[in-house]
Amino acid sequence: MRELACLQTQRHKIAVNSDAHSIYHLGQFDTVLPMLREIHFPEELVVNASRENLITVLKEHQKPVADLLEGSKEE
């Protein structure tokens, strides 16, 4: 957890995943989300916390897919 706090202090962005080895565990963040909350890790530093965060990072890295995502609507 010290590493997460260090990343937060230096304003580094992270992405979280479930590291699932089965389709039944995809998207389960039961372990990491409480840790992030405990150290008050800013949501804006979590790349995949929201669609907007993801698009922002893609644009920062000049990825053409950012424009496609920005133009599409979520159903």
N, C-alpha and C. Protein backbone atom coordinates (compact mmCIF):
# COMPACT_ATOMS: atom_id res chain seq x y z
N MET A 1 0.83 -1.18 0.00
CA MET A 1 0.00 0.00 0.00
C MET A 1 0.88 1.25 0.00
N ARG A 2 2.08 1.14 0.49
CA ARG A 2 3.01 2.27 0.51
C ARG A 2 3.30 2.75 -0.91
N GLU A 3 3.38 1.80 -1.85
CA GLU A 3 3.63 2.15 -3.24
C GLU A 3 2.49 2.99 -3.80
N LEU A 4 1.24 2.63 -3.47
CA LEU A 4 0.09 3.40 -3.93
C LEU A 4 0.13 4.82 -3.38
N ALA A 5 0.47 4.94 -2.12
CA ALA A 5 0.57 6.27 -1.50
C ALA A 5 1.65 7.11 -2.18
N CYS A 6 2.75 6.47 -2.55
CA CYS A 6 3.83 7.16 -3.25
C CYS A 6 3.36 7.64 -4.63
N LEU A 7 2.65 6.78 -5.35
CA LEU A 7 2.12 7.16 -6.66
C LEU A 7 1.16 8.33 -6.53
N GLN A 8 0.34 8.30 -5.50
CA GLN A 8 -0.62 9.37 -5.26
C GLN A 8 0.11 10.69 -5.01
N THR A 9 1.12 10.65 -4.16
CA THR A 9 1.88 11.85 -3.83
C THR A 9 2.52 12.46 -5.07
N GLN A 10 3.02 11.61 -5.95
CA GLN A 10 3.69 12.09 -7.16
C GLN A 10 2.72 12.31 -8.32
N ARG A 11 1.41 12.12 -8.05
CA ARG A 11 0.34 12.35 -9.04
C ARG A 11 0.47 11.44 -10.26
N HIS A 12 0.93 10.21 -10.05
CA HIS A 12 0.99 9.22 -11.13
C HIS A 12 -0.38 8.59 -11.29
N LYS A 13 -0.74 8.30 -12.52
CA LYS A 13 -2.02 7.66 -12.79
C LYS A 13 -1.87 6.14 -12.77
N ILE A 14 -2.94 5.48 -12.37
CA ILE A 14 -2.95 4.03 -12.33
C ILE A 14 -4.21 3.52 -13.03
N ALA A 15 -4.23 2.25 -13.35
CA ALA A 15 -5.43 1.57 -13.82
C ALA A 15 -5.59 0.34 -12.93
N VAL A 16 -6.82 0.01 -12.61
CA VAL A 16 -7.08 -1.17 -11.79
C VAL A 16 -7.76 -2.24 -12.64
N ASN A 17 -7.53 -3.48 -12.24
CA ASN A 17 -8.23 -4.58 -12.90
C ASN A 17 -8.46 -5.69 -11.89
N SER A 18 -9.26 -6.63 -12.29
CA SER A 18 -9.62 -7.72 -11.37
C SER A 18 -8.63 -8.87 -11.42
N ASP A 19 -7.74 -8.90 -12.41
CA ASP A 19 -6.79 -9.99 -12.58
C ASP A 19 -7.52 -11.34 -12.57
N ALA A 20 -8.70 -11.34 -13.17
CA ALA A 20 -9.54 -12.53 -13.17
C ALA A 20 -8.95 -13.65 -14.02
N HIS A 21 -9.09 -14.83 -13.52
CA HIS A 21 -8.67 -16.01 -14.26
C HIS A 21 -9.89 -16.83 -14.68
N SER A 22 -11.04 -16.22 -14.50
CA SER A 22 -12.30 -16.85 -14.88
C SER A 22 -13.28 -15.73 -15.26
N ILE A 23 -14.14 -16.00 -16.22
CA ILE A 23 -15.11 -14.97 -16.63
C ILE A 23 -16.06 -14.62 -15.49
N TYR A 24 -16.18 -15.49 -14.52
CA TYR A 24 -17.09 -15.24 -13.40
C TYR A 24 -16.52 -14.25 -12.39
N HIS A 25 -15.25 -13.90 -12.55
CA HIS A 25 -14.62 -12.95 -11.62
C HIS A 25 -14.24 -11.63 -12.28
N LEU A 26 -14.59 -11.47 -13.55
CA LEU A 26 -14.28 -10.22 -14.24
C LEU A 26 -14.96 -9.05 -13.55
N GLY A 27 -14.23 -7.97 -13.39
CA GLY A 27 -14.79 -6.75 -12.82
C GLY A 27 -14.97 -6.75 -11.32
N GLN A 28 -14.45 -7.74 -10.64
CA GLN A 28 -14.54 -7.76 -9.18
C GLN A 28 -13.31 -7.08 -8.59
N PHE A 29 -13.54 -5.92 -8.00
CA PHE A 29 -12.44 -5.11 -7.46
C PHE A 29 -12.50 -5.06 -5.93
N ASP A 30 -12.98 -6.14 -5.31
CA ASP A 30 -13.20 -6.17 -3.87
C ASP A 30 -11.96 -5.87 -3.05
N THR A 31 -10.79 -6.16 -3.61
CA THR A 31 -9.56 -5.98 -2.85
C THR A 31 -8.98 -4.59 -3.01
N VAL A 32 -8.90 -4.12 -4.24
CA VAL A 32 -8.19 -2.87 -4.50
C VAL A 32 -9.00 -1.62 -4.14
N LEU A 33 -10.31 -1.63 -4.37
CA LEU A 33 -11.09 -0.41 -4.09
C LEU A 33 -11.05 0.01 -2.63
N PRO A 34 -11.20 -0.91 -1.68
CA PRO A 34 -11.07 -0.48 -0.27
C PRO A 34 -9.68 0.10 0.05
N MET A 35 -8.64 -0.46 -0.56
CA MET A 35 -7.29 0.08 -0.32
C MET A 35 -7.18 1.50 -0.85
N LEU A 36 -7.71 1.73 -2.04
CA LEU A 36 -7.66 3.08 -2.62
C LEU A 36 -8.44 4.06 -1.77
N ARG A 37 -9.59 3.64 -1.27
CA ARG A 37 -10.40 4.52 -0.41
C ARG A 37 -9.67 4.82 0.90
N GLU A 38 -9.02 3.81 1.44
CA GLU A 38 -8.33 3.96 2.72
C GLU A 38 -7.25 5.02 2.67
N ILE A 39 -6.54 5.11 1.55
CA ILE A 39 -5.48 6.12 1.44
C ILE A 39 -5.95 7.37 0.71
N HIS A 40 -7.26 7.43 0.44
CA HIS A 40 -7.86 8.60 -0.22
C HIS A 40 -7.21 8.86 -1.57
N PHE A 41 -7.01 7.78 -2.33
CA PHE A 41 -6.41 7.89 -3.66
C PHE A 41 -7.40 8.61 -4.57
N PRO A 42 -7.00 9.71 -5.20
CA PRO A 42 -7.92 10.50 -6.01
C PRO A 42 -8.45 9.74 -7.22
N GLU A 43 -9.75 9.78 -7.40
CA GLU A 43 -10.38 9.08 -8.53
C GLU A 43 -9.87 9.57 -9.87
N GLU A 44 -9.49 10.84 -9.93
CA GLU A 44 -9.00 11.37 -11.21
C GLU A 44 -7.65 10.78 -11.62
N LEU A 45 -6.98 10.11 -10.69
CA LEU A 45 -5.72 9.45 -11.02
C LEU A 45 -5.91 7.99 -11.41
N VAL A 46 -7.14 7.51 -11.36
CA VAL A 46 -7.44 6.14 -11.78
C VAL A 46 -7.97 6.21 -13.20
N VAL A 47 -7.14 5.80 -14.14
CA VAL A 47 -7.45 5.94 -15.57
C VAL A 47 -8.80 5.34 -15.92
N ASN A 48 -9.08 4.16 -15.41
CA ASN A 48 -10.31 3.49 -15.79
C ASN A 48 -11.42 3.63 -14.74
N ALA A 49 -11.36 4.69 -13.96
CA ALA A 49 -12.43 4.95 -12.99
C ALA A 49 -13.68 5.47 -13.68
N SER A 50 -13.49 6.12 -14.82
CA SER A 50 -14.63 6.64 -15.57
C SER A 50 -14.29 6.73 -17.04
N ARG A 51 -15.30 6.81 -17.84
CA ARG A 51 -15.13 6.98 -19.28
C ARG A 51 -14.36 8.26 -19.58
N GLU A 52 -14.69 9.32 -18.86
CA GLU A 52 -14.04 10.61 -19.06
C GLU A 52 -12.54 10.54 -18.75
N ASN A 53 -12.19 9.86 -17.65
CA ASN A 53 -10.78 9.71 -17.31
C ASN A 53 -10.03 8.98 -18.42
N LEU A 54 -10.62 7.91 -18.91
CA LEU A 54 -9.99 7.13 -19.97
C LEU A 54 -9.78 7.96 -21.23
N ILE A 55 -10.80 8.69 -21.64
CA ILE A 55 -10.70 9.51 -22.84
C ILE A 55 -9.63 10.59 -22.66
N THR A 56 -9.58 11.18 -21.48
CA THR A 56 -8.56 12.21 -21.21
C THR A 56 -7.15 11.66 -21.38
N VAL A 57 -6.89 10.49 -20.82
CA VAL A 57 -5.56 9.89 -20.91
C VAL A 57 -5.24 9.51 -22.36
N LEU A 58 -6.22 8.96 -23.06
CA LEU A 58 -5.99 8.61 -24.46
C LEU A 58 -5.65 9.85 -25.28
N LYS A 59 -6.33 10.96 -25.00
CA LYS A 59 -6.02 12.22 -25.70
C LYS A 59 -4.62 12.72 -25.34
N GLU A 60 -4.25 12.61 -24.07
CA GLU A 60 -2.92 13.04 -23.64
C GLU A 60 -1.84 12.31 -24.42
N HIS A 61 -2.13 11.07 -24.79
CA HIS A 61 -1.17 10.25 -25.53
C HIS A 61 -1.47 10.21 -27.03
N GLN A 62 -2.32 11.14 -27.45
CA GLN A 62 -2.66 11.33 -28.87
C GLN A 62 -3.11 10.04 -29.54
N LYS A 63 -3.98 9.31 -28.85
CA LYS A 63 -4.52 8.07 -29.41
C LYS A 63 -5.81 8.39 -30.17
N PRO A 64 -5.87 8.04 -31.46
CA PRO A 64 -7.05 8.34 -32.28
C PRO A 64 -8.34 7.75 -31.73
N VAL A 65 -8.25 6.66 -31.01
CA VAL A 65 -9.46 6.04 -30.48
C VAL A 65 -10.19 6.97 -29.50
N ALA A 66 -9.50 7.94 -28.94
CA ALA A 66 -10.13 8.89 -28.01
C ALA A 66 -11.28 9.61 -28.69
N ASP A 67 -11.08 10.03 -29.93
CA ASP A 67 -12.14 10.73 -30.65
C ASP A 67 -13.33 9.82 -30.92
N LEU A 68 -13.04 8.56 -31.22
CA LEU A 68 -14.13 7.61 -31.44
C LEU A 68 -14.94 7.39 -30.17
N LEU A 69 -14.25 7.25 -29.06
CA LEU A 69 -14.95 7.04 -27.78
C LEU A 69 -15.73 8.28 -27.38
N GLU A 70 -15.17 9.41 -27.62
CA GLU A 70 -15.83 10.66 -27.24
C GLU A 70 -17.10 10.88 -28.05
N GLY A 71 -17.05 10.46 -29.32
CA GLY A 71 -18.20 10.65 -30.19
C GLY A 71 -19.30 9.63 -30.02
N SER A 72 -18.97 8.47 -29.42
CA SER A 72 -19.98 7.42 -29.26
C SER A 72 -20.75 7.62 -27.96
N LYS A 73 -21.96 7.17 -27.96
CA LYS A 73 -22.81 7.28 -26.77
C LYS A 73 -22.91 5.92 -26.11
N GLU A 74 -22.87 5.93 -24.76
CA GLU A 74 -23.08 4.69 -24.03
C GLU A 74 -24.55 4.37 -24.04
N GLU A 75 -24.89 3.13 -24.21
CA GLU A 75 -26.28 2.69 -24.22
C GLU A 75 -26.76 2.46 -22.80
